[in-house]
Every structure is written in C-alpha cells, then in structure tokens.
All heavy atoms as atom14 arrays in JSON, in Angstrom:
{
  "sequence": "DESFYYSSNGTIVGKNELAERTIFVLNLNHRELKKSREETYSRFAKI",
  "atom14_mask": [
    [1, 1, 1, 1, 1, 1, 1, 1, 0, 0, 0, 0, 0, 0],
    [1, 1, 1, 1, 1, 1, 1, 1, 1, 0, 0, 0, 0, 0],
    [1, 1, 1, 1, 1, 1, 0, 0, 0, 0, 0, 0, 0, 0],
    [1, 1, 1, 1, 1, 1, 1, 1, 1, 1, 1, 0, 0, 0],
    [1, 1, 1, 1, 1, 1, 1, 1, 1, 1, 1, 1, 0, 0],
    [1, 1, 1, 1, 1, 1, 1, 1, 1, 1, 1, 1, 0, 0],
    [1, 1, 1, 1, 1, 1, 0, 0, 0, 0, 0, 0, 0, 0],
    [1, 1, 1, 1, 1, 1, 0, 0, 0, 0, 0, 0, 0, 0],
    [1, 1, 1, 1, 1, 1, 1, 1, 0, 0, 0, 0, 0, 0],
    [1, 1, 1, 1, 0, 0, 0, 0, 0, 0, 0, 0, 0, 0],
    [1, 1, 1, 1, 1, 1, 1, 0, 0, 0, 0, 0, 0, 0],
    [1, 1, 1, 1, 1, 1, 1, 1, 0, 0, 0, 0, 0, 0],
    [1, 1, 1, 1, 1, 1, 1, 0, 0, 0, 0, 0, 0, 0],
    [1, 1, 1, 1, 0, 0, 0, 0, 0, 0, 0, 0, 0, 0],
    [1, 1, 1, 1, 1, 1, 1, 1, 1, 0, 0, 0, 0, 0],
    [1, 1, 1, 1, 1, 1, 1, 1, 0, 0, 0, 0, 0, 0],
    [1, 1, 1, 1, 1, 1, 1, 1, 1, 0, 0, 0, 0, 0],
    [1, 1, 1, 1, 1, 1, 1, 1, 0, 0, 0, 0, 0, 0],
    [1, 1, 1, 1, 1, 0, 0, 0, 0, 0, 0, 0, 0, 0],
    [1, 1, 1, 1, 1, 1, 1, 1, 1, 0, 0, 0, 0, 0],
    [1, 1, 1, 1, 1, 1, 1, 1, 1, 1, 1, 0, 0, 0],
    [1, 1, 1, 1, 1, 1, 1, 0, 0, 0, 0, 0, 0, 0],
    [1, 1, 1, 1, 1, 1, 1, 1, 0, 0, 0, 0, 0, 0],
    [1, 1, 1, 1, 1, 1, 1, 1, 1, 1, 1, 0, 0, 0],
    [1, 1, 1, 1, 1, 1, 1, 0, 0, 0, 0, 0, 0, 0],
    [1, 1, 1, 1, 1, 1, 1, 1, 0, 0, 0, 0, 0, 0],
    [1, 1, 1, 1, 1, 1, 1, 1, 0, 0, 0, 0, 0, 0],
    [1, 1, 1, 1, 1, 1, 1, 1, 0, 0, 0, 0, 0, 0],
    [1, 1, 1, 1, 1, 1, 1, 1, 0, 0, 0, 0, 0, 0],
    [1, 1, 1, 1, 1, 1, 1, 1, 1, 1, 0, 0, 0, 0],
    [1, 1, 1, 1, 1, 1, 1, 1, 1, 1, 1, 0, 0, 0],
    [1, 1, 1, 1, 1, 1, 1, 1, 1, 0, 0, 0, 0, 0],
    [1, 1, 1, 1, 1, 1, 1, 1, 0, 0, 0, 0, 0, 0],
    [1, 1, 1, 1, 1, 1, 1, 1, 1, 0, 0, 0, 0, 0],
    [1, 1, 1, 1, 1, 1, 1, 1, 1, 0, 0, 0, 0, 0],
    [1, 1, 1, 1, 1, 1, 0, 0, 0, 0, 0, 0, 0, 0],
    [1, 1, 1, 1, 1, 1, 1, 1, 1, 1, 1, 0, 0, 0],
    [1, 1, 1, 1, 1, 1, 1, 1, 1, 0, 0, 0, 0, 0],
    [1, 1, 1, 1, 1, 1, 1, 1, 1, 0, 0, 0, 0, 0],
    [1, 1, 1, 1, 1, 1, 1, 0, 0, 0, 0, 0, 0, 0],
    [1, 1, 1, 1, 1, 1, 1, 1, 1, 1, 1, 1, 0, 0],
    [1, 1, 1, 1, 1, 1, 0, 0, 0, 0, 0, 0, 0, 0],
    [1, 1, 1, 1, 1, 1, 1, 1, 1, 1, 1, 0, 0, 0],
    [1, 1, 1, 1, 1, 1, 1, 1, 1, 1, 1, 0, 0, 0],
    [1, 1, 1, 1, 1, 0, 0, 0, 0, 0, 0, 0, 0, 0],
    [1, 1, 1, 1, 1, 1, 1, 1, 1, 0, 0, 0, 0, 0],
    [1, 1, 1, 1, 1, 1, 1, 1, 0, 0, 0, 0, 0, 0]
  ],
  "atom14_positions": [
    [[120.26, 162.94, 100.45], [119.88, 162.24, 99.22], [120.57, 160.89, 99.07], [119.98, 159.95, 98.55], [120.18, 163.11, 97.99], [119.19, 164.23, 97.81], [118.09, 164.16, 98.38], [119.52, 165.19, 97.11], [0.0, 0.0, 0.0], [0.0, 0.0, 0.0], [0.0, 0.0, 0.0], [0.0, 0.0, 0.0], [0.0, 0.0, 0.0], [0.0, 0.0, 0.0]],
    [[121.8, 160.8, 99.51], [122.55, 159.55, 99.38], [122.28, 158.58, 100.52], [122.78, 157.46, 100.5], [124.06, 159.82, 99.31], [124.5, 160.59, 98.08], [124.34, 162.1, 98.23], [124.58, 162.61, 99.33], [123.95, 162.74, 97.25], [0.0, 0.0, 0.0], [0.0, 0.0, 0.0], [0.0, 0.0, 0.0], [0.0, 0.0, 0.0], [0.0, 0.0, 0.0]],
    [[121.51, 159.0, 101.51], [121.3, 158.18, 102.7], [120.07, 157.29, 102.65], [119.9, 156.42, 103.51], [121.21, 159.08, 103.94], [122.42, 159.76, 104.14], [0.0, 0.0, 0.0], [0.0, 0.0, 0.0], [0.0, 0.0, 0.0], [0.0, 0.0, 0.0], [0.0, 0.0, 0.0], [0.0, 0.0, 0.0], [0.0, 0.0, 0.0], [0.0, 0.0, 0.0]],
    [[119.21, 157.52, 101.67], [117.96, 156.77, 101.6], [117.74, 156.18, 100.21], [118.19, 156.72, 99.22], [116.77, 157.67, 101.95], [116.85, 158.27, 103.32], [117.32, 159.56, 103.51], [116.48, 157.53, 104.44], [117.4, 160.11, 104.78], [116.56, 158.07, 105.7], [117.03, 159.37, 105.88], [0.0, 0.0, 0.0], [0.0, 0.0, 0.0], [0.0, 0.0, 0.0]],
    [[117.01, 155.08, 100.2], [116.64, 154.41, 98.95], [115.15, 154.06, 99.06], [114.69, 153.63, 100.11], [117.47, 153.13, 98.76], [117.02, 152.29, 97.61], [117.4, 152.61, 96.31], [116.19, 151.18, 97.81], [116.98, 151.84, 95.24], [115.77, 150.41, 96.74], [116.16, 150.76, 95.46], [115.74, 150.01, 94.4], [0.0, 0.0, 0.0], [0.0, 0.0, 0.0]],
    [[114.42, 154.24, 97.96], [113.0, 153.92, 97.95], [112.77, 152.67, 97.11], [113.13, 152.62, 95.94], [112.19, 155.08, 97.35], [112.45, 156.38, 98.07], [113.37, 157.31, 97.57], [111.82, 156.66, 99.27], [113.63, 158.49, 98.24], [112.08, 157.84, 99.95], [112.99, 158.75, 99.44], [113.25, 159.91, 100.11], [0.0, 0.0, 0.0], [0.0, 0.0, 0.0]],
    [[112.17, 151.64, 97.72], [111.89, 150.42, 96.98], [110.54, 150.53, 96.29], [109.73, 151.4, 96.62], [111.92, 149.21, 97.92], [110.84, 149.29, 98.83], [0.0, 0.0, 0.0], [0.0, 0.0, 0.0], [0.0, 0.0, 0.0], [0.0, 0.0, 0.0], [0.0, 0.0, 0.0], [0.0, 0.0, 0.0], [0.0, 0.0, 0.0], [0.0, 0.0, 0.0]],
    [[110.3, 149.65, 95.35], [109.06, 149.71, 94.56], [107.81, 149.46, 95.4], [106.72, 149.84, 95.01], [109.13, 148.72, 93.39], [109.28, 147.41, 93.88], [0.0, 0.0, 0.0], [0.0, 0.0, 0.0], [0.0, 0.0, 0.0], [0.0, 0.0, 0.0], [0.0, 0.0, 0.0], [0.0, 0.0, 0.0], [0.0, 0.0, 0.0], [0.0, 0.0, 0.0]],
    [[107.96, 148.82, 96.57], [106.79, 148.59, 97.43], [106.53, 149.75, 98.4], [105.7, 149.65, 99.28], [106.92, 147.27, 98.19], [107.99, 147.32, 99.27], [108.66, 148.33, 99.49], [108.15, 146.2, 99.96], [0.0, 0.0, 0.0], [0.0, 0.0, 0.0], [0.0, 0.0, 0.0], [0.0, 0.0, 0.0], [0.0, 0.0, 0.0], [0.0, 0.0, 0.0]],
    [[107.26, 150.86, 98.21], [107.05, 152.05, 99.02], [107.89, 152.13, 100.28], [107.84, 153.14, 100.99], [0.0, 0.0, 0.0], [0.0, 0.0, 0.0], [0.0, 0.0, 0.0], [0.0, 0.0, 0.0], [0.0, 0.0, 0.0], [0.0, 0.0, 0.0], [0.0, 0.0, 0.0], [0.0, 0.0, 0.0], [0.0, 0.0, 0.0], [0.0, 0.0, 0.0]],
    [[108.66, 151.12, 100.57], [109.5, 151.13, 101.76], [110.68, 152.07, 101.54], [111.3, 152.07, 100.48], [110.04, 149.71, 102.06], [108.92, 148.84, 102.25], [110.92, 149.69, 103.29], [0.0, 0.0, 0.0], [0.0, 0.0, 0.0], [0.0, 0.0, 0.0], [0.0, 0.0, 0.0], [0.0, 0.0, 0.0], [0.0, 0.0, 0.0], [0.0, 0.0, 0.0]],
    [[110.98, 152.87, 102.56], [112.18, 153.7, 102.52], [113.25, 152.95, 103.32], [112.99, 152.45, 104.41], [111.93, 155.12, 103.08], [113.18, 155.99, 102.95], [111.43, 155.1, 104.5], [112.95, 157.46, 103.28], [0.0, 0.0, 0.0], [0.0, 0.0, 0.0], [0.0, 0.0, 0.0], [0.0, 0.0, 0.0], [0.0, 0.0, 0.0], [0.0, 0.0, 0.0]],
    [[114.42, 152.82, 102.74], [115.51, 152.05, 103.32], [116.66, 153.0, 103.63], [117.06, 153.8, 102.77], [115.99, 150.95, 102.35], [117.15, 150.16, 102.94], [114.83, 150.04, 101.98], [0.0, 0.0, 0.0], [0.0, 0.0, 0.0], [0.0, 0.0, 0.0], [0.0, 0.0, 0.0], [0.0, 0.0, 0.0], [0.0, 0.0, 0.0], [0.0, 0.0, 0.0]],
    [[117.19, 152.92, 104.83], [118.36, 153.72, 105.19], [119.63, 153.04, 104.75], [119.78, 151.83, 104.9], [0.0, 0.0, 0.0], [0.0, 0.0, 0.0], [0.0, 0.0, 0.0], [0.0, 0.0, 0.0], [0.0, 0.0, 0.0], [0.0, 0.0, 0.0], [0.0, 0.0, 0.0], [0.0, 0.0, 0.0], [0.0, 0.0, 0.0], [0.0, 0.0, 0.0]],
    [[120.54, 153.81, 104.2], [121.81, 153.25, 103.72], [122.91, 153.31, 104.77], [124.02, 152.87, 104.51], [122.27, 153.99, 102.47], [121.37, 153.78, 101.28], [121.96, 154.5, 100.08], [121.15, 154.31, 98.83], [121.75, 155.02, 97.7], [0.0, 0.0, 0.0], [0.0, 0.0, 0.0], [0.0, 0.0, 0.0], [0.0, 0.0, 0.0], [0.0, 0.0, 0.0]],
    [[122.59, 153.87, 105.93], [123.55, 153.91, 107.03], [122.77, 153.93, 108.34], [121.54, 154.03, 108.35], [124.49, 155.13, 106.91], [123.73, 156.43, 106.83], [122.91, 156.75, 107.69], [123.99, 157.22, 105.79], [0.0, 0.0, 0.0], [0.0, 0.0, 0.0], [0.0, 0.0, 0.0], [0.0, 0.0, 0.0], [0.0, 0.0, 0.0], [0.0, 0.0, 0.0]],
    [[123.49, 153.82, 109.44], [122.84, 153.73, 110.76], [122.01, 154.97, 111.09], [120.9, 154.86, 111.61], [123.91, 153.5, 111.84], [123.32, 153.2, 113.2], [124.4, 152.96, 114.25], [125.44, 152.35, 113.93], [124.18, 153.39, 115.39], [0.0, 0.0, 0.0], [0.0, 0.0, 0.0], [0.0, 0.0, 0.0], [0.0, 0.0, 0.0], [0.0, 0.0, 0.0]],
    [[122.53, 156.15, 110.78], [121.8, 157.38, 111.07], [120.51, 157.47, 110.24], [119.47, 157.88, 110.74], [122.68, 158.61, 110.82], [122.09, 159.96, 111.2], [121.66, 160.01, 112.66], [123.1, 161.07, 110.9], [0.0, 0.0, 0.0], [0.0, 0.0, 0.0], [0.0, 0.0, 0.0], [0.0, 0.0, 0.0], [0.0, 0.0, 0.0], [0.0, 0.0, 0.0]],
    [[120.57, 157.03, 109.01], [119.38, 157.02, 108.16], [118.35, 156.04, 108.71], [117.15, 156.35, 108.76], [119.76, 156.67, 106.73], [0.0, 0.0, 0.0], [0.0, 0.0, 0.0], [0.0, 0.0, 0.0], [0.0, 0.0, 0.0], [0.0, 0.0, 0.0], [0.0, 0.0, 0.0], [0.0, 0.0, 0.0], [0.0, 0.0, 0.0], [0.0, 0.0, 0.0]],
    [[118.79, 154.87, 109.13], [117.87, 153.88, 109.72], [117.22, 154.45, 110.98], [116.02, 154.26, 111.2], [118.61, 152.58, 110.04], [118.94, 151.75, 108.83], [117.72, 151.17, 108.15], [116.67, 150.99, 108.8], [117.8, 150.9, 106.93], [0.0, 0.0, 0.0], [0.0, 0.0, 0.0], [0.0, 0.0, 0.0], [0.0, 0.0, 0.0], [0.0, 0.0, 0.0]],
    [[118.01, 155.12, 111.81], [117.46, 155.73, 113.03], [116.45, 156.81, 112.68], [115.4, 156.94, 113.31], [118.58, 156.29, 113.89], [118.08, 156.82, 115.22], [119.18, 157.25, 116.16], [120.35, 157.7, 115.45], [121.61, 157.41, 115.8], [121.85, 156.71, 116.85], [122.62, 157.86, 115.09], [0.0, 0.0, 0.0], [0.0, 0.0, 0.0], [0.0, 0.0, 0.0]],
    [[116.73, 157.6, 111.64], [115.81, 158.65, 111.2], [114.47, 158.03, 110.78], [113.41, 158.53, 111.16], [116.44, 159.44, 110.03], [117.67, 160.02, 110.47], [115.5, 160.53, 109.53], [0.0, 0.0, 0.0], [0.0, 0.0, 0.0], [0.0, 0.0, 0.0], [0.0, 0.0, 0.0], [0.0, 0.0, 0.0], [0.0, 0.0, 0.0], [0.0, 0.0, 0.0]],
    [[114.54, 156.95, 110.01], [113.32, 156.26, 109.58], [112.53, 155.78, 110.78], [111.31, 155.94, 110.85], [113.67, 155.08, 108.64], [114.25, 155.62, 107.33], [112.46, 154.2, 108.38], [114.94, 154.56, 106.48], [0.0, 0.0, 0.0], [0.0, 0.0, 0.0], [0.0, 0.0, 0.0], [0.0, 0.0, 0.0], [0.0, 0.0, 0.0], [0.0, 0.0, 0.0]],
    [[113.22, 155.21, 111.77], [112.56, 154.69, 112.96], [111.93, 155.81, 113.78], [110.75, 155.74, 114.14], [113.56, 153.9, 113.81], [112.98, 153.42, 115.11], [112.13, 152.32, 115.13], [113.25, 154.08, 116.3], [111.56, 151.89, 116.33], [112.7, 153.67, 117.49], [111.85, 152.56, 117.51], [0.0, 0.0, 0.0], [0.0, 0.0, 0.0], [0.0, 0.0, 0.0]],
    [[112.7, 156.86, 114.08], [112.21, 157.95, 114.93], [111.0, 158.65, 114.3], [110.04, 158.98, 114.99], [113.34, 158.98, 115.22], [112.81, 160.25, 115.85], [114.41, 158.35, 116.1], [0.0, 0.0, 0.0], [0.0, 0.0, 0.0], [0.0, 0.0, 0.0], [0.0, 0.0, 0.0], [0.0, 0.0, 0.0], [0.0, 0.0, 0.0], [0.0, 0.0, 0.0]],
    [[111.03, 158.83, 112.98], [109.94, 159.53, 112.29], [108.85, 158.57, 111.78], [107.86, 159.01, 111.2], [110.5, 160.34, 111.12], [111.48, 161.45, 111.5], [112.11, 162.05, 110.25], [110.8, 162.52, 112.33], [0.0, 0.0, 0.0], [0.0, 0.0, 0.0], [0.0, 0.0, 0.0], [0.0, 0.0, 0.0], [0.0, 0.0, 0.0], [0.0, 0.0, 0.0]],
    [[109.05, 157.27, 111.98], [108.12, 156.24, 111.52], [107.8, 156.43, 110.03], [106.63, 156.43, 109.61], [106.83, 156.22, 112.35], [106.02, 154.96, 112.13], [106.51, 153.96, 111.61], [104.74, 155.02, 112.5], [0.0, 0.0, 0.0], [0.0, 0.0, 0.0], [0.0, 0.0, 0.0], [0.0, 0.0, 0.0], [0.0, 0.0, 0.0], [0.0, 0.0, 0.0]],
    [[108.84, 156.59, 109.24], [108.67, 156.88, 107.81], [108.19, 155.69, 107.0], [107.85, 155.84, 105.83], [109.97, 157.45, 107.23], [110.39, 158.81, 107.79], [111.71, 159.26, 107.18], [109.3, 159.85, 107.58], [0.0, 0.0, 0.0], [0.0, 0.0, 0.0], [0.0, 0.0, 0.0], [0.0, 0.0, 0.0], [0.0, 0.0, 0.0], [0.0, 0.0, 0.0]],
    [[108.15, 154.51, 107.61], [107.58, 153.36, 106.91], [106.16, 153.06, 107.41], [105.68, 151.92, 107.3], [108.5, 152.14, 107.0], [109.59, 152.2, 105.97], [109.35, 152.62, 104.84], [110.8, 151.81, 106.34], [0.0, 0.0, 0.0], [0.0, 0.0, 0.0], [0.0, 0.0, 0.0], [0.0, 0.0, 0.0], [0.0, 0.0, 0.0], [0.0, 0.0, 0.0]],
    [[105.51, 154.07, 107.9], [104.1, 153.95, 108.28], [103.3, 153.56, 107.03], [103.62, 153.99, 105.92], [103.6, 155.29, 108.85], [102.2, 155.25, 109.35], [101.11, 155.4, 108.53], [101.71, 155.07, 110.6], [100.01, 155.33, 109.24], [100.34, 155.12, 110.51], [0.0, 0.0, 0.0], [0.0, 0.0, 0.0], [0.0, 0.0, 0.0], [0.0, 0.0, 0.0]],
    [[102.26, 152.77, 107.2], [101.49, 152.24, 106.07], [100.99, 153.32, 105.12], [100.98, 153.12, 103.9], [100.36, 151.34, 106.55], [99.27, 152.07, 107.29], [98.21, 151.12, 107.88], [97.23, 151.84, 108.65], [97.43, 152.38, 109.85], [98.61, 152.28, 110.42], [96.46, 153.02, 110.48], [0.0, 0.0, 0.0], [0.0, 0.0, 0.0], [0.0, 0.0, 0.0]],
    [[100.56, 154.47, 105.64], [100.07, 155.55, 104.77], [101.18, 156.11, 103.9], [100.97, 156.38, 102.71], [99.44, 156.66, 105.6], [98.12, 156.27, 106.23], [97.54, 157.39, 107.09], [97.78, 158.58, 106.79], [96.85, 157.05, 108.07], [0.0, 0.0, 0.0], [0.0, 0.0, 0.0], [0.0, 0.0, 0.0], [0.0, 0.0, 0.0], [0.0, 0.0, 0.0]],
    [[102.36, 156.31, 104.48], [103.49, 156.84, 103.71], [103.98, 155.82, 102.7], [104.29, 156.17, 101.55], [104.62, 157.27, 104.64], [104.31, 158.43, 105.57], [105.48, 158.67, 106.52], [103.99, 159.68, 104.78], [0.0, 0.0, 0.0], [0.0, 0.0, 0.0], [0.0, 0.0, 0.0], [0.0, 0.0, 0.0], [0.0, 0.0, 0.0], [0.0, 0.0, 0.0]],
    [[104.05, 154.55, 103.11], [104.47, 153.49, 102.17], [103.52, 153.41, 100.99], [103.95, 153.29, 99.85], [104.52, 152.14, 102.89], [105.76, 151.94, 103.74], [105.77, 150.59, 104.43], [105.93, 149.47, 103.44], [106.11, 148.16, 104.07], [0.0, 0.0, 0.0], [0.0, 0.0, 0.0], [0.0, 0.0, 0.0], [0.0, 0.0, 0.0], [0.0, 0.0, 0.0]],
    [[102.23, 153.49, 101.27], [101.23, 153.43, 100.2], [101.4, 154.59, 99.23], [101.37, 154.41, 98.01], [99.82, 153.43, 100.79], [98.74, 153.31, 99.75], [97.36, 153.29, 100.38], [96.32, 153.21, 99.27], [94.99, 153.48, 99.73], [0.0, 0.0, 0.0], [0.0, 0.0, 0.0], [0.0, 0.0, 0.0], [0.0, 0.0, 0.0], [0.0, 0.0, 0.0]],
    [[101.6, 155.78, 99.77], [101.8, 156.97, 98.93], [103.04, 156.82, 98.05], [103.0, 157.11, 96.85], [101.91, 158.21, 99.81], [102.2, 159.35, 99.05], [0.0, 0.0, 0.0], [0.0, 0.0, 0.0], [0.0, 0.0, 0.0], [0.0, 0.0, 0.0], [0.0, 0.0, 0.0], [0.0, 0.0, 0.0], [0.0, 0.0, 0.0], [0.0, 0.0, 0.0]],
    [[104.14, 156.34, 98.63], [105.37, 156.17, 97.86], [105.22, 155.06, 96.83], [105.69, 155.18, 95.7], [106.55, 155.89, 98.8], [106.97, 157.09, 99.61], [108.28, 156.86, 100.33], [108.23, 155.78, 101.29], [108.08, 155.92, 102.6], [107.94, 157.13, 103.14], [108.06, 154.88, 103.4], [0.0, 0.0, 0.0], [0.0, 0.0, 0.0], [0.0, 0.0, 0.0]],
    [[104.56, 153.95, 97.21], [104.37, 152.83, 96.27], [103.54, 153.27, 95.07], [103.87, 152.94, 93.92], [103.69, 151.67, 96.97], [103.47, 150.47, 96.08], [102.79, 149.31, 96.79], [102.12, 149.53, 97.81], [102.94, 148.18, 96.29], [0.0, 0.0, 0.0], [0.0, 0.0, 0.0], [0.0, 0.0, 0.0], [0.0, 0.0, 0.0], [0.0, 0.0, 0.0]],
    [[102.47, 154.02, 95.31], [101.62, 154.5, 94.21], [102.4, 155.44, 93.29], [102.29, 155.36, 92.07], [100.38, 155.2, 94.77], [99.38, 154.24, 95.39], [98.25, 154.93, 96.14], [98.25, 156.18, 96.27], [97.35, 154.21, 96.62], [0.0, 0.0, 0.0], [0.0, 0.0, 0.0], [0.0, 0.0, 0.0], [0.0, 0.0, 0.0], [0.0, 0.0, 0.0]],
    [[103.19, 156.32, 93.89], [104.02, 157.24, 93.1], [105.03, 156.46, 92.28], [105.21, 156.72, 91.09], [104.73, 158.25, 94.02], [103.76, 159.01, 94.73], [105.63, 159.19, 93.24], [0.0, 0.0, 0.0], [0.0, 0.0, 0.0], [0.0, 0.0, 0.0], [0.0, 0.0, 0.0], [0.0, 0.0, 0.0], [0.0, 0.0, 0.0], [0.0, 0.0, 0.0]],
    [[105.71, 155.51, 92.9], [106.72, 154.7, 92.23], [106.11, 153.98, 91.03], [106.63, 154.05, 89.91], [107.31, 153.69, 93.22], [108.6, 153.05, 92.77], [109.81, 153.42, 93.34], [108.61, 152.06, 91.79], [110.99, 152.83, 92.93], [109.79, 151.47, 91.38], [110.98, 151.85, 91.97], [112.15, 151.27, 91.56], [0.0, 0.0, 0.0], [0.0, 0.0, 0.0]],
    [[105.01, 153.3, 91.27], [104.35, 152.52, 90.22], [103.88, 153.42, 89.07], [104.14, 153.12, 87.9], [103.16, 151.77, 90.82], [102.44, 151.1, 89.83], [0.0, 0.0, 0.0], [0.0, 0.0, 0.0], [0.0, 0.0, 0.0], [0.0, 0.0, 0.0], [0.0, 0.0, 0.0], [0.0, 0.0, 0.0], [0.0, 0.0, 0.0], [0.0, 0.0, 0.0]],
    [[103.2, 154.5, 89.41], [102.66, 155.4, 88.38], [103.77, 156.01, 87.54], [103.71, 156.02, 86.31], [101.84, 156.51, 89.06], [101.14, 157.46, 88.11], [100.31, 158.51, 88.84], [101.14, 159.42, 89.6], [101.18, 159.47, 90.94], [100.43, 158.67, 91.66], [101.97, 160.33, 91.55], [0.0, 0.0, 0.0], [0.0, 0.0, 0.0], [0.0, 0.0, 0.0]],
    [[104.82, 156.47, 88.19], [105.88, 157.16, 87.46], [106.73, 156.2, 86.64], [107.1, 156.5, 85.51], [106.74, 157.98, 88.42], [107.37, 159.14, 87.75], [106.64, 160.27, 87.46], [108.69, 159.09, 87.35], [107.21, 161.34, 86.8], [109.27, 160.16, 86.69], [108.53, 161.29, 86.41], [0.0, 0.0, 0.0], [0.0, 0.0, 0.0], [0.0, 0.0, 0.0]],
    [[107.04, 155.04, 87.2], [107.81, 154.04, 86.44], [107.05, 153.61, 85.19], [107.65, 153.46, 84.12], [108.13, 152.84, 87.33], [0.0, 0.0, 0.0], [0.0, 0.0, 0.0], [0.0, 0.0, 0.0], [0.0, 0.0, 0.0], [0.0, 0.0, 0.0], [0.0, 0.0, 0.0], [0.0, 0.0, 0.0], [0.0, 0.0, 0.0], [0.0, 0.0, 0.0]],
    [[105.74, 153.43, 85.3], [104.92, 153.06, 84.15], [104.95, 154.14, 83.07], [105.02, 153.82, 81.88], [103.48, 152.8, 84.58], [103.28, 151.47, 85.24], [101.83, 151.28, 85.67], [101.68, 150.01, 86.48], [100.33, 149.87, 87.05], [0.0, 0.0, 0.0], [0.0, 0.0, 0.0], [0.0, 0.0, 0.0], [0.0, 0.0, 0.0], [0.0, 0.0, 0.0]],
    [[104.91, 155.39, 83.49], [104.95, 156.5, 82.52], [106.25, 156.44, 81.72], [106.24, 156.54, 80.49], [104.82, 157.87, 83.23], [103.4, 158.07, 83.76], [105.21, 159.02, 82.31], [103.25, 159.26, 84.7], [0.0, 0.0, 0.0], [0.0, 0.0, 0.0], [0.0, 0.0, 0.0], [0.0, 0.0, 0.0], [0.0, 0.0, 0.0], [0.0, 0.0, 0.0]]
  ]
}
C-alpha cells in the first residue's frame, strides 16, 4: 500500500525501485488499466 501512488490521469507511480520494477514487469501503466483508474479517480473525486 505504501509503495504505489495513483495520479489523477490513471498512472500508477512506484515510490521505490521495487515498485517501479513491479509496474514495468506487469505493465501496470497499460492504456486500458490507466483509463480504468483515471475514470475511477475522476468519478469518485467528483462524488
């Protein structure tokens, strides 16, 4: 939980080297995942 941060544009950011490697290996910033996170972020923040 402390290793990742989600930006409003849906990007997941690693807070350390292992988190960054995890994002890279799993391709967690793939356009489909970013879009899903961005929509969730926007919808929930607005609520």
